[in-house]
Amino acid sequence: MRDNLTTILRGRRVRLVPYLPLHVPRYHRWMQDEELQRLTCSEPLTLAEEYANQLSWREDASKATFIVCALDGHSANTDEPTAVDDLTAGMCGDVNAFLSPAEEEEEETADEQQQQQQQRQ
């Protein structure tokens, strides 16, 4: 989603950063795992397909995709310290929000129905 291209949400233990092209290689490696594919109902993709997915998710106004990064000061895959401004530091998962317009209330109250009937008479 374009609206979250620069949005970073920070909590006490994790931060959520926008899913960017720099995340794709590690994300792609994760998604080669058969158990993870099974748990997420995902099919294996080529690296090029994963880059295309990242771009389509970024452009889709109905999705907001974030990478979850641990804030323990270390990468999730190594014991080496990482820079705080490195948007891949602590990368340990992802989260997606699927957005849709609010539905208008379809049910009318009994009072509204009664008022409409009276107006018709």
Foldseek 3Di string as FASTA:
>chain_A
DQVQQAPWADDPWKIWHFDDPVCLVVVLVVCVDPVVCVVVVHDRDDSVVSSVVSVVQNVDPQKTKTFIATPPQAAPVDRDGDDPPPRRHRGDGMDMGGHDDDDDDDDDDPVVVVVVVVVVD
